[in-house]
Amino acid sequence: MELAQLSKKMMTVVCISLLLLVAGSAAYYRSSAFLPFALGAALGAGASALKIKLLQNAVEKAVNMEKDRAESHLRLQHLLRFLLTGVVLLCAALVPFISLWGAAAGVLTQQIATYSARFFMR
């Protein structure tokens, strides 16, 4: 399967997971109090989708590099994606109308998409 198709399917799983998170929080709160969680989940899921796209670009670029340069490039890209996650969680912790729990749940949608990618590769 082509890498671009796999990343699109992973982003679809992130979007579906976000919708399930928002629907679950709306059912739990049963009022407009679910909005901070939904904003946090949207922020985290957006970061997850961005990280999937960054990973796709990094792998496509590293394929054409020599081994040493590719290793250092992928390590740097991994560090940048890790920092992106930290910035998203820090913003969610500091902004009062965004739920940190929602942002953490949104960030975890990337892992859900990664595990579901195994089924797409069959």
N, C-alpha and C. Protein backbone atom coordinates (compact mmCIF):
# COMPACT_ATOMS: atom_id res chain seq x y z
N MET A 1 0.84 -1.17 0.00
CA MET A 1 0.00 0.00 0.00
C MET A 1 0.89 1.24 0.00
N GLU A 2 0.51 2.21 -0.76
CA GLU A 2 1.28 3.43 -0.86
C GLU A 2 1.19 4.21 0.46
N LEU A 3 2.28 4.89 0.79
CA LEU A 3 2.37 5.61 2.05
C LEU A 3 1.32 6.71 2.15
N ALA A 4 1.05 7.40 1.06
CA ALA A 4 0.07 8.49 1.09
C ALA A 4 -1.33 7.95 1.36
N GLN A 5 -1.66 6.81 0.79
CA GLN A 5 -2.97 6.21 1.03
C GLN A 5 -3.11 5.78 2.48
N LEU A 6 -2.05 5.21 3.03
CA LEU A 6 -2.08 4.77 4.41
C LEU A 6 -2.24 5.95 5.35
N SER A 7 -1.55 7.05 5.08
CA SER A 7 -1.66 8.22 5.95
C SER A 7 -3.06 8.85 5.85
N LYS A 8 -3.66 8.82 4.66
CA LYS A 8 -5.03 9.32 4.53
C LYS A 8 -6.01 8.48 5.33
N LYS A 9 -5.82 7.17 5.30
CA LYS A 9 -6.69 6.30 6.08
C LYS A 9 -6.47 6.51 7.58
N MET A 10 -5.22 6.74 7.97
CA MET A 10 -4.95 7.02 9.38
C MET A 10 -5.59 8.33 9.81
N MET A 11 -5.56 9.33 8.94
CA MET A 11 -6.21 10.60 9.28
C MET A 11 -7.73 10.44 9.36
N THR A 12 -8.27 9.57 8.54
CA THR A 12 -9.70 9.28 8.63
C THR A 12 -10.04 8.65 9.97
N VAL A 13 -9.19 7.74 10.44
CA VAL A 13 -9.40 7.12 11.75
C VAL A 13 -9.29 8.17 12.85
N VAL A 14 -8.38 9.12 12.72
CA VAL A 14 -8.25 10.20 13.70
C VAL A 14 -9.53 11.02 13.74
N CYS A 15 -10.09 11.34 12.58
CA CYS A 15 -11.32 12.13 12.52
C CYS A 15 -12.50 11.36 13.12
N ILE A 16 -12.60 10.08 12.82
CA ILE A 16 -13.68 9.27 13.38
C ILE A 16 -13.53 9.16 14.89
N SER A 17 -12.30 9.00 15.36
CA SER A 17 -12.05 8.94 16.80
C SER A 17 -12.42 10.25 17.48
N LEU A 18 -12.12 11.36 16.81
CA LEU A 18 -12.49 12.67 17.36
C LEU A 18 -14.00 12.79 17.48
N LEU A 19 -14.72 12.37 16.44
CA LEU A 19 -16.18 12.44 16.50
C LEU A 19 -16.73 11.57 17.63
N LEU A 20 -16.14 10.40 17.83
CA LEU A 20 -16.58 9.53 18.93
C LEU A 20 -16.27 10.15 20.29
N LEU A 21 -15.13 10.80 20.41
CA LEU A 21 -14.78 11.46 21.67
C LEU A 21 -15.75 12.60 21.98
N VAL A 22 -16.05 13.40 20.97
CA VAL A 22 -16.96 14.54 21.18
C VAL A 22 -18.37 14.04 21.49
N ALA A 23 -18.82 13.02 20.77
CA ALA A 23 -20.14 12.46 21.04
C ALA A 23 -20.21 11.86 22.45
N GLY A 24 -19.15 11.18 22.85
CA GLY A 24 -19.11 10.61 24.19
C GLY A 24 -19.10 11.67 25.27
N SER A 25 -18.38 12.74 25.06
CA SER A 25 -18.36 13.81 26.06
C SER A 25 -19.70 14.55 26.11
N ALA A 26 -20.35 14.71 24.95
CA ALA A 26 -21.67 15.35 24.94
C ALA A 26 -22.69 14.47 25.66
N ALA A 27 -22.59 13.17 25.49
CA ALA A 27 -23.50 12.26 26.18
C ALA A 27 -23.21 12.24 27.68
N TYR A 28 -21.95 12.38 28.06
CA TYR A 28 -21.59 12.36 29.48
C TYR A 28 -22.03 13.63 30.19
N TYR A 29 -21.74 14.79 29.60
CA TYR A 29 -22.06 16.06 30.25
C TYR A 29 -23.52 16.47 30.07
N ARG A 30 -24.12 16.15 28.93
CA ARG A 30 -25.51 16.49 28.62
C ARG A 30 -25.82 17.98 28.76
N SER A 31 -24.83 18.80 28.51
CA SER A 31 -25.01 20.25 28.51
C SER A 31 -23.87 20.85 27.71
N SER A 32 -23.80 22.17 27.71
CA SER A 32 -22.71 22.81 26.97
C SER A 32 -21.39 22.73 27.72
N ALA A 33 -21.36 22.05 28.86
CA ALA A 33 -20.12 21.88 29.61
C ALA A 33 -19.15 20.95 28.91
N PHE A 34 -19.59 20.28 27.83
CA PHE A 34 -18.70 19.39 27.10
C PHE A 34 -17.78 20.17 26.16
N LEU A 35 -18.05 21.45 25.94
CA LEU A 35 -17.27 22.23 24.97
C LEU A 35 -15.78 22.31 25.28
N PRO A 36 -15.35 22.53 26.54
CA PRO A 36 -13.89 22.53 26.79
C PRO A 36 -13.23 21.20 26.43
N PHE A 37 -13.91 20.10 26.74
CA PHE A 37 -13.36 18.79 26.37
C PHE A 37 -13.30 18.65 24.85
N ALA A 38 -14.34 19.09 24.16
CA ALA A 38 -14.39 19.00 22.70
C ALA A 38 -13.30 19.86 22.07
N LEU A 39 -13.07 21.04 22.62
CA LEU A 39 -12.00 21.90 22.09
C LEU A 39 -10.63 21.25 22.30
N GLY A 40 -10.43 20.68 23.47
CA GLY A 40 -9.17 19.99 23.74
C GLY A 40 -8.98 18.79 22.84
N ALA A 41 -10.06 18.02 22.64
CA ALA A 41 -9.96 16.86 21.77
C ALA A 41 -9.68 17.28 20.33
N ALA A 42 -10.30 18.37 19.88
CA ALA A 42 -10.06 18.86 18.53
C ALA A 42 -8.61 19.33 18.37
N LEU A 43 -8.09 20.00 19.39
CA LEU A 43 -6.70 20.46 19.35
C LEU A 43 -5.74 19.26 19.30
N GLY A 44 -5.99 18.27 20.14
CA GLY A 44 -5.14 17.09 20.15
C GLY A 44 -5.24 16.27 18.88
N ALA A 45 -6.45 16.12 18.35
CA ALA A 45 -6.62 15.35 17.11
C ALA A 45 -6.01 16.10 15.93
N GLY A 46 -6.10 17.42 15.94
CA GLY A 46 -5.44 18.20 14.89
C GLY A 46 -3.94 18.02 14.93
N ALA A 47 -3.38 18.00 16.13
CA ALA A 47 -1.95 17.75 16.26
C ALA A 47 -1.60 16.33 15.80
N SER A 48 -2.47 15.38 16.07
CA SER A 48 -2.22 14.00 15.63
C SER A 48 -2.22 13.91 14.11
N ALA A 49 -3.18 14.57 13.47
CA ALA A 49 -3.22 14.57 12.01
C ALA A 49 -1.98 15.24 11.43
N LEU A 50 -1.55 16.34 12.05
CA LEU A 50 -0.34 17.02 11.59
C LEU A 50 0.88 16.14 11.77
N LYS A 51 0.95 15.40 12.87
CA LYS A 51 2.08 14.51 13.09
C LYS A 51 2.11 13.37 12.09
N ILE A 52 0.95 12.88 11.69
CA ILE A 52 0.90 11.84 10.67
C ILE A 52 1.43 12.38 9.35
N LYS A 53 1.03 13.59 9.00
CA LYS A 53 1.50 14.20 7.74
C LYS A 53 3.01 14.47 7.81
N LEU A 54 3.50 14.94 8.95
CA LEU A 54 4.93 15.18 9.10
C LEU A 54 5.72 13.88 9.01
N LEU A 55 5.18 12.81 9.58
CA LEU A 55 5.85 11.51 9.51
C LEU A 55 5.90 11.01 8.07
N GLN A 56 4.82 11.18 7.34
CA GLN A 56 4.79 10.78 5.93
C GLN A 56 5.86 11.53 5.14
N ASN A 57 5.93 12.84 5.34
CA ASN A 57 6.92 13.64 4.62
C ASN A 57 8.35 13.25 5.00
N ALA A 58 8.58 12.97 6.29
CA ALA A 58 9.92 12.60 6.74
C ALA A 58 10.36 11.28 6.14
N VAL A 59 9.46 10.31 6.09
CA VAL A 59 9.81 8.99 5.53
C VAL A 59 10.06 9.10 4.03
N GLU A 60 9.21 9.84 3.33
CA GLU A 60 9.40 9.99 1.88
C GLU A 60 10.73 10.67 1.57
N LYS A 61 11.11 11.64 2.41
CA LYS A 61 12.38 12.33 2.18
C LYS A 61 13.57 11.45 2.56
N ALA A 62 13.43 10.68 3.63
CA ALA A 62 14.55 9.86 4.10
C ALA A 62 14.85 8.69 3.18
N VAL A 63 13.87 8.25 2.41
CA VAL A 63 14.08 7.12 1.51
C VAL A 63 15.17 7.43 0.49
N ASN A 64 15.26 8.65 0.07
CA ASN A 64 16.22 9.03 -0.96
C ASN A 64 17.55 9.53 -0.40
N MET A 65 17.76 9.46 0.90
CA MET A 65 19.00 9.93 1.51
C MET A 65 19.93 8.75 1.78
N GLU A 66 21.19 9.08 2.03
CA GLU A 66 22.12 8.04 2.47
C GLU A 66 21.81 7.71 3.92
N LYS A 67 22.33 6.58 4.38
CA LYS A 67 21.92 6.01 5.66
C LYS A 67 22.15 6.96 6.85
N ASP A 68 23.33 7.53 6.97
CA ASP A 68 23.64 8.38 8.11
C ASP A 68 22.79 9.64 8.14
N ARG A 69 22.64 10.26 6.99
CA ARG A 69 21.80 11.47 6.91
C ARG A 69 20.35 11.14 7.18
N ALA A 70 19.89 10.00 6.70
CA ALA A 70 18.50 9.61 6.91
C ALA A 70 18.23 9.36 8.39
N GLU A 71 19.16 8.71 9.08
CA GLU A 71 18.99 8.46 10.51
C GLU A 71 18.90 9.76 11.29
N SER A 72 19.80 10.68 11.02
CA SER A 72 19.77 11.96 11.75
C SER A 72 18.53 12.77 11.39
N HIS A 73 18.12 12.70 10.13
CA HIS A 73 16.91 13.42 9.72
C HIS A 73 15.67 12.87 10.43
N LEU A 74 15.57 11.55 10.49
CA LEU A 74 14.41 10.95 11.15
C LEU A 74 14.42 11.19 12.65
N ARG A 75 15.59 11.20 13.26
CA ARG A 75 15.67 11.51 14.69
C ARG A 75 15.23 12.94 14.98
N LEU A 76 15.67 13.87 14.14
CA LEU A 76 15.27 15.26 14.31
C LEU A 76 13.77 15.42 14.11
N GLN A 77 13.22 14.76 13.11
CA GLN A 77 11.79 14.84 12.85
C GLN A 77 10.98 14.24 14.02
N HIS A 78 11.50 13.14 14.58
CA HIS A 78 10.83 12.53 15.73
C HIS A 78 10.83 13.49 16.91
N LEU A 79 11.94 14.16 17.15
CA LEU A 79 12.02 15.13 18.23
C LEU A 79 11.05 16.29 18.00
N LEU A 80 10.93 16.76 16.77
CA LEU A 80 10.01 17.85 16.47
C LEU A 80 8.55 17.43 16.68
N ARG A 81 8.21 16.21 16.31
CA ARG A 81 6.85 15.72 16.53
C ARG A 81 6.57 15.56 18.03
N PHE A 82 7.57 15.14 18.77
CA PHE A 82 7.44 15.02 20.22
C PHE A 82 7.23 16.39 20.85
N LEU A 83 7.99 17.38 20.39
CA LEU A 83 7.83 18.75 20.90
C LEU A 83 6.47 19.33 20.54
N LEU A 84 5.96 18.99 19.37
CA LEU A 84 4.62 19.43 18.98
C LEU A 84 3.57 18.90 19.95
N THR A 85 3.71 17.66 20.34
CA THR A 85 2.78 17.08 21.33
C THR A 85 2.89 17.82 22.65
N GLY A 86 4.11 18.11 23.07
CA GLY A 86 4.31 18.84 24.32
C GLY A 86 3.72 20.24 24.28
N VAL A 87 3.87 20.92 23.16
CA VAL A 87 3.31 22.27 23.02
C VAL A 87 1.79 22.23 23.07
N VAL A 88 1.19 21.25 22.41
CA VAL A 88 -0.27 21.13 22.42
C VAL A 88 -0.77 20.87 23.85
N LEU A 89 -0.12 19.97 24.56
CA LEU A 89 -0.55 19.67 25.93
C LEU A 89 -0.29 20.85 26.86
N LEU A 90 0.80 21.58 26.65
CA LEU A 90 1.07 22.76 27.46
C LEU A 90 0.03 23.86 27.21
N CYS A 91 -0.32 24.06 25.95
CA CYS A 91 -1.36 25.05 25.63
C CYS A 91 -2.69 24.67 26.26
N ALA A 92 -3.01 23.38 26.22
CA ALA A 92 -4.26 22.93 26.82
C ALA A 92 -4.25 23.11 28.34
N ALA A 93 -3.08 22.96 28.94
CA ALA A 93 -2.98 23.13 30.39
C ALA A 93 -3.06 24.59 30.80
N LEU A 94 -2.57 25.48 29.95
CA LEU A 94 -2.52 26.90 30.31
C LEU A 94 -3.77 27.68 29.92
N VAL A 95 -4.45 27.27 28.87
CA VAL A 95 -5.64 27.98 28.42
C VAL A 95 -6.83 27.46 29.22
N PRO A 96 -7.54 28.35 29.92
CA PRO A 96 -8.57 27.87 30.85
C PRO A 96 -9.80 27.25 30.18
N PHE A 97 -10.12 27.60 28.95
CA PHE A 97 -11.33 27.06 28.33
C PHE A 97 -11.06 25.85 27.44
N ILE A 98 -9.87 25.24 27.57
CA ILE A 98 -9.54 24.01 26.86
C ILE A 98 -9.19 22.95 27.90
N SER A 99 -9.81 21.80 27.78
CA SER A 99 -9.60 20.72 28.73
C SER A 99 -8.30 19.97 28.42
N LEU A 100 -7.47 19.81 29.43
CA LEU A 100 -6.25 19.04 29.26
C LEU A 100 -6.57 17.57 28.98
N TRP A 101 -7.62 17.06 29.61
CA TRP A 101 -8.02 15.67 29.38
C TRP A 101 -8.49 15.48 27.95
N GLY A 102 -9.19 16.45 27.41
CA GLY A 102 -9.61 16.37 26.02
C GLY A 102 -8.43 16.38 25.08
N ALA A 103 -7.44 17.24 25.36
CA ALA A 103 -6.25 17.31 24.51
C ALA A 103 -5.47 16.01 24.58
N ALA A 104 -5.38 15.44 25.78
CA ALA A 104 -4.67 14.16 25.91
C ALA A 104 -5.40 13.05 25.15
N ALA A 105 -6.73 13.05 25.21
CA ALA A 105 -7.49 12.05 24.45
C ALA A 105 -7.32 12.27 22.96
N GLY A 106 -7.27 13.53 22.53
CA GLY A 106 -7.07 13.83 21.11
C GLY A 106 -5.69 13.41 20.63
N VAL A 107 -4.70 13.58 21.47
CA VAL A 107 -3.34 13.16 21.10
C VAL A 107 -3.27 11.64 20.96
N LEU A 108 -4.02 10.93 21.77
CA LEU A 108 -4.00 9.46 21.71
C LEU A 108 -4.70 8.91 20.47
N THR A 109 -5.40 9.75 19.73
CA THR A 109 -6.04 9.26 18.50
C THR A 109 -4.99 8.83 17.47
N GLN A 110 -3.79 9.37 17.54
CA GLN A 110 -2.75 8.94 16.61
C GLN A 110 -2.38 7.48 16.88
N GLN A 111 -2.31 7.10 18.14
CA GLN A 111 -1.99 5.72 18.45
C GLN A 111 -3.10 4.77 18.01
N ILE A 112 -4.34 5.21 18.15
CA ILE A 112 -5.47 4.41 17.67
C ILE A 112 -5.35 4.22 16.16
N ALA A 113 -5.01 5.30 15.46
CA ALA A 113 -4.86 5.22 14.00
C ALA A 113 -3.68 4.34 13.61
N THR A 114 -2.62 4.39 14.39
CA THR A 114 -1.45 3.56 14.09
C THR A 114 -1.77 2.08 14.24
N TYR A 115 -2.47 1.73 15.32
CA TYR A 115 -2.84 0.33 15.51
C TYR A 115 -3.86 -0.13 14.48
N SER A 116 -4.74 0.75 14.06
CA SER A 116 -5.72 0.36 13.04
C SER A 116 -5.08 0.26 11.66
N ALA A 117 -3.93 0.87 11.46
CA ALA A 117 -3.25 0.78 10.16
C ALA A 117 -2.84 -0.65 9.83
N ARG A 118 -2.66 -1.44 10.86
CA ARG A 118 -2.32 -2.85 10.64
C ARG A 118 -3.40 -3.56 9.84
N PHE A 119 -4.66 -3.18 10.09
CA PHE A 119 -5.76 -3.80 9.37
C PHE A 119 -5.86 -3.28 7.94
N PHE A 120 -5.39 -2.04 7.71
CA PHE A 120 -5.43 -1.48 6.37
C PHE A 120 -4.38 -2.11 5.47
N MET A 121 -3.32 -2.62 6.03
CA MET A 121 -2.22 -3.16 5.22
C MET A 121 -2.51 -4.56 4.73
N ARG A 122 -3.60 -5.16 5.13
CA ARG A 122 -3.95 -6.52 4.68
C ARG A 122 -4.58 -6.48 3.33
